[in-house]
Full PDB file with SEQRES, HELIX, SHEET, SSBOND, CRYST1, ORIGX, SCALE, CONECT and MASTER records, all heavy atoms in Angstrom:
SEQRES   1 A   34  THR MET ASN LYS VAL ASN THR VAL GLU LYS VAL ASP LEU          
SEQRES   2 A   34  SER ASN TYR THR LEU LYS GLN LYS GLN SER LEU GLN LYS          
SEQRES   3 A   34  GLY TYR GLU ILE TRP CYS SER GLY                              
HELIX    1 AA1 LEU A   18  SER A   33  1                                  16    
SHEET    1 AA1 2 MET A   2  VAL A   5  0                                        
SHEET    2 AA1 2 VAL A   8  VAL A  11 -1                                        
CRYST1    1.000    1.000    1.000  90.00  90.00  90.00 P 1           1          
ORIGX1      1.000000  0.000000  0.000000        0.00000                         
ORIGX2      0.000000  1.000000  0.000000        0.00000                         
ORIGX3      0.000000  0.000000  1.000000        0.00000                         
SCALE1      1.000000  0.000000  0.000000        0.00000                         
SCALE2      0.000000  1.000000  0.000000        0.00000                         
SCALE3      0.000000  0.000000  1.000000        0.00000                         
ATOM      1  N   THR A   1       0.808  -1.216   0.000  1.00  0.00           N  
ATOM      2  CA  THR A   1       0.000   0.000   0.000  1.00  0.00           C  
ATOM      3  C   THR A   1       0.839   1.264   0.000  1.00  0.00           C  
ATOM      4  O   THR A   1       0.327   2.339   0.229  1.00  0.00           O  
ATOM      5  CB  THR A   1      -0.939   0.019   1.210  1.00  0.00           C  
ATOM      6  OG1 THR A   1      -0.157  -0.066   2.396  1.00  0.00           O  
ATOM      7  CG2 THR A   1      -1.931  -1.116   1.152  1.00  0.00           C  
ATOM      8  N   MET A   2       2.117   1.163  -0.262  1.00  0.00           N  
ATOM      9  CA  MET A   2       2.983   2.334  -0.237  1.00  0.00           C  
ATOM     10  C   MET A   2       2.931   3.065  -1.570  1.00  0.00           C  
ATOM     11  O   MET A   2       2.788   2.464  -2.609  1.00  0.00           O  
ATOM     12  CB  MET A   2       4.429   1.937   0.014  1.00  0.00           C  
ATOM     13  CG  MET A   2       4.596   1.194   1.298  1.00  0.00           C  
ATOM     14  SD  MET A   2       3.986   2.161   2.621  1.00  0.00           S  
ATOM     15  CE  MET A   2       5.386   2.136   3.624  1.00  0.00           C  
ATOM     16  N   ASN A   3       3.051   4.365  -1.501  1.00  0.00           N  
ATOM     17  CA  ASN A   3       3.203   5.153  -2.713  1.00  0.00           C  
ATOM     18  C   ASN A   3       4.004   6.393  -2.380  1.00  0.00           C  
ATOM     19  O   ASN A   3       4.206   6.718  -1.227  1.00  0.00           O  
ATOM     20  CB  ASN A   3       1.847   5.511  -3.329  1.00  0.00           C  
ATOM     21  CG  ASN A   3       1.005   6.400  -2.442  1.00  0.00           C  
ATOM     22  OD1 ASN A   3       1.460   6.888  -1.413  1.00  0.00           O  
ATOM     23  ND2 ASN A   3      -0.226   6.619  -2.819  1.00  0.00           N  
ATOM     24  N   LYS A   4       4.486   7.062  -3.386  1.00  0.00           N  
ATOM     25  CA  LYS A   4       5.220   8.309  -3.178  1.00  0.00           C  
ATOM     26  C   LYS A   4       4.341   9.448  -3.640  1.00  0.00           C  
ATOM     27  O   LYS A   4       3.810   9.430  -4.733  1.00  0.00           O  
ATOM     28  CB  LYS A   4       6.531   8.316  -3.954  1.00  0.00           C  
ATOM     29  CG  LYS A   4       7.655   7.681  -3.232  1.00  0.00           C  
ATOM     30  CD  LYS A   4       8.965   8.078  -3.845  1.00  0.00           C  
ATOM     31  CE  LYS A   4      10.033   7.725  -2.841  1.00  0.00           C  
ATOM     32  NZ  LYS A   4      11.287   8.292  -3.121  1.00  0.00           N  
ATOM     33  N   VAL A   5       4.189  10.425  -2.772  1.00  0.00           N  
ATOM     34  CA  VAL A   5       3.404  11.607  -3.097  1.00  0.00           C  
ATOM     35  C   VAL A   5       4.306  12.803  -2.868  1.00  0.00           C  
ATOM     36  O   VAL A   5       4.729  13.058  -1.751  1.00  0.00           O  
ATOM     37  CB  VAL A   5       2.158  11.692  -2.194  1.00  0.00           C  
ATOM     38  CG1 VAL A   5       1.369  12.944  -2.500  1.00  0.00           C  
ATOM     39  CG2 VAL A   5       1.302  10.453  -2.350  1.00  0.00           C  
ATOM     40  N   ASN A   6       4.612  13.503  -3.925  1.00  0.00           N  
ATOM     41  CA  ASN A   6       5.492  14.673  -3.821  1.00  0.00           C  
ATOM     42  C   ASN A   6       6.768  14.345  -3.044  1.00  0.00           C  
ATOM     43  O   ASN A   6       7.184  15.081  -2.163  1.00  0.00           O  
ATOM     44  CB  ASN A   6       4.757  15.838  -3.153  1.00  0.00           C  
ATOM     45  CG  ASN A   6       3.581  16.292  -3.979  1.00  0.00           C  
ATOM     46  OD1 ASN A   6       3.604  16.196  -5.189  1.00  0.00           O  
ATOM     47  ND2 ASN A   6       2.556  16.779  -3.317  1.00  0.00           N  
ATOM     48  N   THR A   7       7.359  13.223  -3.328  1.00  0.00           N  
ATOM     49  CA  THR A   7       8.581  12.714  -2.715  1.00  0.00           C  
ATOM     50  C   THR A   7       8.443  12.445  -1.218  1.00  0.00           C  
ATOM     51  O   THR A   7       9.431  12.251  -0.531  1.00  0.00           O  
ATOM     52  CB  THR A   7       9.807  13.636  -2.968  1.00  0.00           C  
ATOM     53  OG1 THR A   7       9.637  14.851  -2.251  1.00  0.00           O  
ATOM     54  CG2 THR A   7      10.014  13.885  -4.436  1.00  0.00           C  
ATOM     55  N   VAL A   8       7.244  12.445  -0.691  1.00  0.00           N  
ATOM     56  CA  VAL A   8       7.008  12.080   0.704  1.00  0.00           C  
ATOM     57  C   VAL A   8       6.263  10.755   0.692  1.00  0.00           C  
ATOM     58  O   VAL A   8       5.170  10.649   0.152  1.00  0.00           O  
ATOM     59  CB  VAL A   8       6.166  13.161   1.436  1.00  0.00           C  
ATOM     60  CG1 VAL A   8       5.829  12.703   2.834  1.00  0.00           C  
ATOM     61  CG2 VAL A   8       6.906  14.479   1.459  1.00  0.00           C  
ATOM     62  N   GLU A   9       6.886   9.740   1.282  1.00  0.00           N  
ATOM     63  CA  GLU A   9       6.254   8.430   1.289  1.00  0.00           C  
ATOM     64  C   GLU A   9       5.157   8.375   2.344  1.00  0.00           C  
ATOM     65  O   GLU A   9       5.324   8.843   3.462  1.00  0.00           O  
ATOM     66  CB  GLU A   9       7.280   7.341   1.570  1.00  0.00           C  
ATOM     67  CG  GLU A   9       8.214   7.095   0.416  1.00  0.00           C  
ATOM     68  CD  GLU A   9       9.138   5.947   0.698  1.00  0.00           C  
ATOM     69  OE1 GLU A   9      10.191   6.198   1.285  1.00  0.00           O  
ATOM     70  OE2 GLU A   9       8.780   4.815   0.340  1.00  0.00           O  
ATOM     71  N   LYS A  10       4.029   7.794   1.949  1.00  0.00           N  
ATOM     72  CA  LYS A  10       2.884   7.607   2.828  1.00  0.00           C  
ATOM     73  C   LYS A  10       2.298   6.231   2.567  1.00  0.00           C  
ATOM     74  O   LYS A  10       2.569   5.615   1.547  1.00  0.00           O  
ATOM     75  CB  LYS A  10       1.791   8.641   2.535  1.00  0.00           C  
ATOM     76  CG  LYS A  10       2.160  10.064   2.818  1.00  0.00           C  
ATOM     77  CD  LYS A  10       0.969  10.962   2.539  1.00  0.00           C  
ATOM     78  CE  LYS A  10       1.301  12.401   2.851  1.00  0.00           C  
ATOM     79  NZ  LYS A  10       0.110  13.259   2.743  1.00  0.00           N  
ATOM     80  N   VAL A  11       1.469   5.792   3.479  1.00  0.00           N  
ATOM     81  CA  VAL A  11       0.701   4.577   3.273  1.00  0.00           C  
ATOM     82  C   VAL A  11      -0.612   4.983   2.632  1.00  0.00           C  
ATOM     83  O   VAL A  11      -1.272   5.919   3.076  1.00  0.00           O  
ATOM     84  CB  VAL A  11       0.440   3.858   4.614  1.00  0.00           C  
ATOM     85  CG1 VAL A  11      -0.427   2.636   4.402  1.00  0.00           C  
ATOM     86  CG2 VAL A  11       1.751   3.468   5.276  1.00  0.00           C  
ATOM     87  N   ASP A  12      -0.977   4.322   1.572  1.00  0.00           N  
ATOM     88  CA  ASP A  12      -2.225   4.609   0.874  1.00  0.00           C  
ATOM     89  C   ASP A  12      -3.381   3.981   1.651  1.00  0.00           C  
ATOM     90  O   ASP A  12      -3.513   2.767   1.721  1.00  0.00           O  
ATOM     91  CB  ASP A  12      -2.158   4.035  -0.541  1.00  0.00           C  
ATOM     92  CG  ASP A  12      -3.412   4.295  -1.349  1.00  0.00           C  
ATOM     93  OD1 ASP A  12      -4.314   5.019  -0.856  1.00  0.00           O  
ATOM     94  OD2 ASP A  12      -3.496   3.778  -2.464  1.00  0.00           O  
ATOM     95  N   LEU A  13      -4.204   4.824   2.238  1.00  0.00           N  
ATOM     96  CA  LEU A  13      -5.336   4.355   3.036  1.00  0.00           C  
ATOM     97  C   LEU A  13      -6.652   4.444   2.267  1.00  0.00           C  
ATOM     98  O   LEU A  13      -7.726   4.309   2.857  1.00  0.00           O  
ATOM     99  CB  LEU A  13      -5.435   5.166   4.331  1.00  0.00           C  
ATOM    100  CG  LEU A  13      -4.233   5.108   5.268  1.00  0.00           C  
ATOM    101  CD1 LEU A  13      -4.459   5.999   6.477  1.00  0.00           C  
ATOM    102  CD2 LEU A  13      -3.933   3.680   5.693  1.00  0.00           C  
ATOM    103  N   SER A  14      -6.586   4.641   0.972  1.00  0.00           N  
ATOM    104  CA  SER A  14      -7.803   4.847   0.182  1.00  0.00           C  
ATOM    105  C   SER A  14      -8.717   3.619   0.152  1.00  0.00           C  
ATOM    106  O   SER A  14      -9.904   3.749  -0.118  1.00  0.00           O  
ATOM    107  CB  SER A  14      -7.454   5.278  -1.246  1.00  0.00           C  
ATOM    108  OG  SER A  14      -6.735   4.263  -1.908  1.00  0.00           O  
ATOM    109  N   ASN A  15      -8.200   2.449   0.439  1.00  0.00           N  
ATOM    110  CA  ASN A  15      -9.027   1.237   0.449  1.00  0.00           C  
ATOM    111  C   ASN A  15      -9.732   1.012   1.779  1.00  0.00           C  
ATOM    112  O   ASN A  15     -10.458   0.033   1.927  1.00  0.00           O  
ATOM    113  CB  ASN A  15      -8.181   0.008   0.107  1.00  0.00           C  
ATOM    114  CG  ASN A  15      -7.708   0.037  -1.322  1.00  0.00           C  
ATOM    115  OD1 ASN A  15      -8.393   0.535  -2.202  1.00  0.00           O  
ATOM    116  ND2 ASN A  15      -6.519  -0.482  -1.565  1.00  0.00           N  
ATOM    117  N   TYR A  16      -9.502   1.898   2.745  1.00  0.00           N  
ATOM    118  CA  TYR A  16     -10.113   1.763   4.060  1.00  0.00           C  
ATOM    119  C   TYR A  16     -11.313   2.698   4.176  1.00  0.00           C  
ATOM    120  O   TYR A  16     -11.331   3.781   3.596  1.00  0.00           O  
ATOM    121  CB  TYR A  16      -9.099   2.086   5.159  1.00  0.00           C  
ATOM    122  CG  TYR A  16      -7.992   1.067   5.247  1.00  0.00           C  
ATOM    123  CD1 TYR A  16      -6.797   1.238   4.542  1.00  0.00           C  
ATOM    124  CD2 TYR A  16      -8.133  -0.068   6.021  1.00  0.00           C  
ATOM    125  CE1 TYR A  16      -5.786   0.301   4.613  1.00  0.00           C  
ATOM    126  CE2 TYR A  16      -7.124  -1.014   6.101  1.00  0.00           C  
ATOM    127  CZ  TYR A  16      -5.953  -0.819   5.392  1.00  0.00           C  
ATOM    128  OH  TYR A  16      -4.962  -1.751   5.469  1.00  0.00           O  
ATOM    129  N   THR A  17     -12.298   2.278   4.955  1.00  0.00           N  
ATOM    130  CA  THR A  17     -13.458   3.132   5.212  1.00  0.00           C  
ATOM    131  C   THR A  17     -13.051   4.256   6.152  1.00  0.00           C  
ATOM    132  O   THR A  17     -11.992   4.193   6.799  1.00  0.00           O  
ATOM    133  CB  THR A  17     -14.601   2.334   5.860  1.00  0.00           C  
ATOM    134  OG1 THR A  17     -14.182   1.916   7.170  1.00  0.00           O  
ATOM    135  CG2 THR A  17     -15.004   1.137   5.008  1.00  0.00           C  
ATOM    136  N   LEU A  18     -13.910   5.269   6.264  1.00  0.00           N  
ATOM    137  CA  LEU A  18     -13.638   6.374   7.185  1.00  0.00           C  
ATOM    138  C   LEU A  18     -13.490   5.851   8.607  1.00  0.00           C  
ATOM    139  O   LEU A  18     -12.580   6.264   9.331  1.00  0.00           O  
ATOM    140  CB  LEU A  18     -14.752   7.423   7.107  1.00  0.00           C  
ATOM    141  CG  LEU A  18     -14.609   8.618   8.057  1.00  0.00           C  
ATOM    142  CD1 LEU A  18     -13.314   9.371   7.790  1.00  0.00           C  
ATOM    143  CD2 LEU A  18     -15.811   9.536   7.930  1.00  0.00           C  
ATOM    144  N   LYS A  19     -14.346   4.941   9.010  1.00  0.00           N  
ATOM    145  CA  LYS A  19     -14.273   4.376  10.364  1.00  0.00           C  
ATOM    146  C   LYS A  19     -12.945   3.638  10.585  1.00  0.00           C  
ATOM    147  O   LYS A  19     -12.326   3.763  11.640  1.00  0.00           O  
ATOM    148  CB  LYS A  19     -15.456   3.440  10.598  1.00  0.00           C  
ATOM    149  CG  LYS A  19     -15.571   2.932  12.002  1.00  0.00           C  
ATOM    150  CD  LYS A  19     -16.830   2.115  12.203  1.00  0.00           C  
ATOM    151  CE  LYS A  19     -16.893   1.625  13.638  1.00  0.00           C  
ATOM    152  NZ  LYS A  19     -18.136   0.914  13.914  1.00  0.00           N  
ATOM    153  N   GLN A  20     -12.505   2.901   9.592  1.00  0.00           N  
ATOM    154  CA  GLN A  20     -11.230   2.192   9.695  1.00  0.00           C  
ATOM    155  C   GLN A  20     -10.060   3.177   9.767  1.00  0.00           C  
ATOM    156  O   GLN A  20      -9.122   2.970  10.532  1.00  0.00           O  
ATOM    157  CB  GLN A  20     -11.045   1.240   8.520  1.00  0.00           C  
ATOM    158  CG  GLN A  20     -11.947   0.029   8.560  1.00  0.00           C  
ATOM    159  CD  GLN A  20     -11.855  -0.794   7.294  1.00  0.00           C  
ATOM    160  OE1 GLN A  20     -11.793  -0.244   6.185  1.00  0.00           O  
ATOM    161  NE2 GLN A  20     -11.862  -2.106   7.445  1.00  0.00           N  
ATOM    162  N   LYS A  21     -10.125   4.238   8.970  1.00  0.00           N  
ATOM    163  CA  LYS A  21      -9.068   5.253   9.013  1.00  0.00           C  
ATOM    164  C   LYS A  21      -9.007   5.913  10.380  1.00  0.00           C  
ATOM    165  O   LYS A  21      -7.919   6.160  10.906  1.00  0.00           O  
ATOM    166  CB  LYS A  21      -9.299   6.312   7.933  1.00  0.00           C  
ATOM    167  CG  LYS A  21      -9.071   5.819   6.527  1.00  0.00           C  
ATOM    168  CD  LYS A  21      -9.417   6.909   5.520  1.00  0.00           C  
ATOM    169  CE  LYS A  21      -9.405   6.397   4.108  1.00  0.00           C  
ATOM    170  NZ  LYS A  21      -9.802   7.405   3.129  1.00  0.00           N  
ATOM    171  N   GLN A  22     -10.165   6.195  10.960  1.00  0.00           N  
ATOM    172  CA  GLN A  22     -10.193   6.798  12.291  1.00  0.00           C  
ATOM    173  C   GLN A  22      -9.627   5.837  13.326  1.00  0.00           C  
ATOM    174  O   GLN A  22      -8.887   6.240  14.224  1.00  0.00           O  
ATOM    175  CB  GLN A  22     -11.629   7.198  12.659  1.00  0.00           C  
ATOM    176  CG  GLN A  22     -12.139   8.359  11.837  1.00  0.00           C  
ATOM    177  CD  GLN A  22     -13.632   8.589  11.997  1.00  0.00           C  
ATOM    178  OE1 GLN A  22     -14.394   7.694  12.353  1.00  0.00           O  
ATOM    179  NE2 GLN A  22     -14.052   9.819  11.726  1.00  0.00           N  
ATOM    180  N   SER A  23      -9.943   4.571  13.201  1.00  0.00           N  
ATOM    181  CA  SER A  23      -9.401   3.558  14.108  1.00  0.00           C  
ATOM    182  C   SER A  23      -7.887   3.448  13.958  1.00  0.00           C  
ATOM    183  O   SER A  23      -7.157   3.361  14.954  1.00  0.00           O  
ATOM    184  CB  SER A  23     -10.066   2.208  13.842  1.00  0.00           C  
ATOM    185  OG  SER A  23      -9.579   1.226  14.723  1.00  0.00           O  
ATOM    186  N   LEU A  24      -7.401   3.476  12.714  1.00  0.00           N  
ATOM    187  CA  LEU A  24      -5.956   3.433  12.478  1.00  0.00           C  
ATOM    188  C   LEU A  24      -5.270   4.664  13.077  1.00  0.00           C  
ATOM    189  O   LEU A  24      -4.182   4.559  13.650  1.00  0.00           O  
ATOM    190  CB  LEU A  24      -5.645   3.331  10.985  1.00  0.00           C  
ATOM    191  CG  LEU A  24      -5.930   1.982  10.340  1.00  0.00           C  
ATOM    192  CD1 LEU A  24      -5.794   2.071   8.825  1.00  0.00           C  
ATOM    193  CD2 LEU A  24      -5.008   0.911  10.902  1.00  0.00           C  
ATOM    194  N   GLN A  25      -5.907   5.821  12.965  1.00  0.00           N  
ATOM    195  CA  GLN A  25      -5.349   7.054  13.540  1.00  0.00           C  
ATOM    196  C   GLN A  25      -5.226   6.919  15.052  1.00  0.00           C  
ATOM    197  O   GLN A  25      -4.198   7.252  15.643  1.00  0.00           O  
ATOM    198  CB  GLN A  25      -6.235   8.258  13.182  1.00  0.00           C  
ATOM    199  CG  GLN A  25      -5.772   9.568  13.788  1.00  0.00           C  
ATOM    200  CD  GLN A  25      -4.499  10.110  13.171  1.00  0.00           C  
ATOM    201  OE1 GLN A  25      -4.320  10.050  11.974  1.00  0.00           O  
ATOM    202  NE2 GLN A  25      -3.614  10.636  13.992  1.00  0.00           N  
ATOM    203  N   LYS A  26      -6.278   6.407  15.700  1.00  0.00           N  
ATOM    204  CA  LYS A  26      -6.239   6.221  17.157  1.00  0.00           C  
ATOM    205  C   LYS A  26      -5.188   5.187  17.537  1.00  0.00           C  
ATOM    206  O   LYS A  26      -4.473   5.347  18.530  1.00  0.00           O  
ATOM    207  CB  LYS A  26      -7.614   5.814  17.675  1.00  0.00           C  
ATOM    208  CG  LYS A  26      -8.636   6.922  17.578  1.00  0.00           C  
ATOM    209  CD  LYS A  26     -10.014   6.430  17.983  1.00  0.00           C  
ATOM    210  CE  LYS A  26     -11.065   7.490  17.733  1.00  0.00           C  
ATOM    211  NZ  LYS A  26     -12.421   6.955  17.985  1.00  0.00           N  
ATOM    212  N   GLY A  27      -5.093   4.119  16.755  1.00  0.00           N  
ATOM    213  CA  GLY A  27      -4.069   3.108  16.999  1.00  0.00           C  
ATOM    214  C   GLY A  27      -2.672   3.668  16.815  1.00  0.00           C  
ATOM    215  O   GLY A  27      -1.749   3.334  17.573  1.00  0.00           O  
ATOM    216  N   TYR A  28      -2.508   4.526  15.826  1.00  0.00           N  
ATOM    217  CA  TYR A  28      -1.222   5.194  15.602  1.00  0.00           C  
ATOM    218  C   TYR A  28      -0.841   6.036  16.819  1.00  0.00           C  
ATOM    219  O   TYR A  28       0.314   6.027  17.254  1.00  0.00           O  
ATOM    220  CB  TYR A  28      -1.310   6.066  14.345  1.00  0.00           C  
ATOM    221  CG  TYR A  28      -0.169   7.040  14.187  1.00  0.00           C  
ATOM    222  CD1 TYR A  28       1.080   6.605  13.768  1.00  0.00           C  
ATOM    223  CD2 TYR A  28      -0.338   8.397  14.464  1.00  0.00           C  
ATOM    224  CE1 TYR A  28       2.138   7.495  13.623  1.00  0.00           C  
ATOM    225  CE2 TYR A  28       0.704   9.286  14.320  1.00  0.00           C  
ATOM    226  CZ  TYR A  28       1.941   8.834  13.899  1.00  0.00           C  
ATOM    227  OH  TYR A  28       2.983   9.722  13.765  1.00  0.00           O  
ATOM    228  N   GLU A  29      -1.796   6.736  17.383  1.00  0.00           N  
ATOM    229  CA  GLU A  29      -1.519   7.554  18.572  1.00  0.00           C  
ATOM    230  C   GLU A  29      -1.100   6.688  19.756  1.00  0.00           C  
ATOM    231  O   GLU A  29      -0.200   7.051  20.519  1.00  0.00           O  
ATOM    232  CB  GLU A  29      -2.747   8.410  18.909  1.00  0.00           C  
ATOM    233  CG  GLU A  29      -2.978   9.486  17.847  1.00  0.00           C  
ATOM    234  CD  GLU A  29      -4.347  10.141  17.911  1.00  0.00           C  
ATOM    235  OE1 GLU A  29      -5.122   9.865  18.857  1.00  0.00           O  
ATOM    236  OE2 GLU A  29      -4.657  10.939  16.993  1.00  0.00           O  
ATOM    237  N   ILE A  30      -1.716   5.520  19.899  1.00  0.00           N  
ATOM    238  CA  ILE A  30      -1.303   4.576  20.946  1.00  0.00           C  
ATOM    239  C   ILE A  30       0.102   4.080  20.651  1.00  0.00           C  
ATOM    240  O   ILE A  30       0.945   3.980  21.549  1.00  0.00           O  
ATOM    241  CB  ILE A  30      -2.304   3.408  21.053  1.00  0.00           C  
ATOM    242  CG1 ILE A  30      -3.665   3.925  21.521  1.00  0.00           C  
ATOM    243  CG2 ILE A  30      -1.776   2.320  21.984  1.00  0.00           C  
ATOM    244  CD1 ILE A  30      -4.796   2.914  21.403  1.00  0.00           C  
ATOM    245  N   TRP A  31       0.385   3.773  19.387  1.00  0.00           N  
ATOM    246  CA  TRP A  31       1.720   3.312  18.993  1.00  0.00           C  
ATOM    247  C   TRP A  31       2.770   4.366  19.339  1.00  0.00           C  
ATOM    248  O   TRP A  31       3.831   4.043  19.875  1.00  0.00           O  
ATOM    249  CB  TRP A  31       1.743   3.000  17.498  1.00  0.00           C  
ATOM    250  CG  TRP A  31       3.091   2.635  16.962  1.00  0.00           C  
ATOM    251  CD1 TRP A  31       3.747   1.451  17.134  1.00  0.00           C  
ATOM    252  CD2 TRP A  31       3.948   3.464  16.174  1.00  0.00           C  
ATOM    253  NE1 TRP A  31       4.972   1.501  16.480  1.00  0.00           N  
ATOM    254  CE2 TRP A  31       5.108   2.726  15.893  1.00  0.00           C  
ATOM    255  CE3 TRP A  31       3.835   4.766  15.673  1.00  0.00           C  
ATOM    256  CZ2 TRP A  31       6.149   3.232  15.138  1.00  0.00           C  
ATOM    257  CZ3 TRP A  31       4.872   5.259  14.920  1.00  0.00           C  
ATOM    258  CH2 TRP A  31       6.017   4.503  14.662  1.00  0.00           C  
ATOM    259  N   CYS A  32       2.456   5.637  19.041  1.00  0.00           N  
ATOM    260  CA  CYS A  32       3.397   6.718  19.346  1.00  0.00           C  
ATOM    261  C   CYS A  32       3.685   6.766  20.839  1.00  0.00           C  
ATOM    262  O   CYS A  32       4.838   6.865  21.259  1.00  0.00           O  
ATOM    263  CB  CYS A  32       2.854   8.068  18.881  1.00  0.00           C  
ATOM    264  SG  CYS A  32       2.916   8.294  17.093  1.00  0.00           S  
ATOM    265  N   SER A  33       2.658   6.701  21.647  1.00  0.00           N  
ATOM    266  CA  SER A  33       2.842   6.758  23.097  1.00  0.00           C  
ATOM    267  C   SER A  33       3.529   5.501  23.620  1.00  0.00           C  
ATOM    268  O   SER A  33       4.435   5.572  24.435  1.00  0.00           O  
ATOM    269  CB  SER A  33       1.493   6.901  23.806  1.00  0.00           C  
ATOM    270  OG  SER A  33       0.913   8.130  23.511  1.00  0.00           O  
ATOM    271  N   GLY A  34       3.069   4.356  23.143  1.00  0.00           N  
ATOM    272  CA  GLY A  34       3.571   3.101  23.678  1.00  0.00           C  
ATOM    273  C   GLY A  34       4.933   2.704  23.181  1.00  0.00           C  
ATOM    274  O   GLY A  34       5.801   2.321  23.958  1.00  0.00           O  
TER     275      GLY A  34                                                      
MASTER        0    0    0    1    2    0    0    6  274    1    0    3          
END                                                                             
């Protein structure tokens, strides 16, 4: 799911629903803290 956008690499989340993206965002915040 990786792609390059303006030379900044990101994970392409376009295949995820809004609810899944929000869950991933919250999980990312836990990952950052943990």
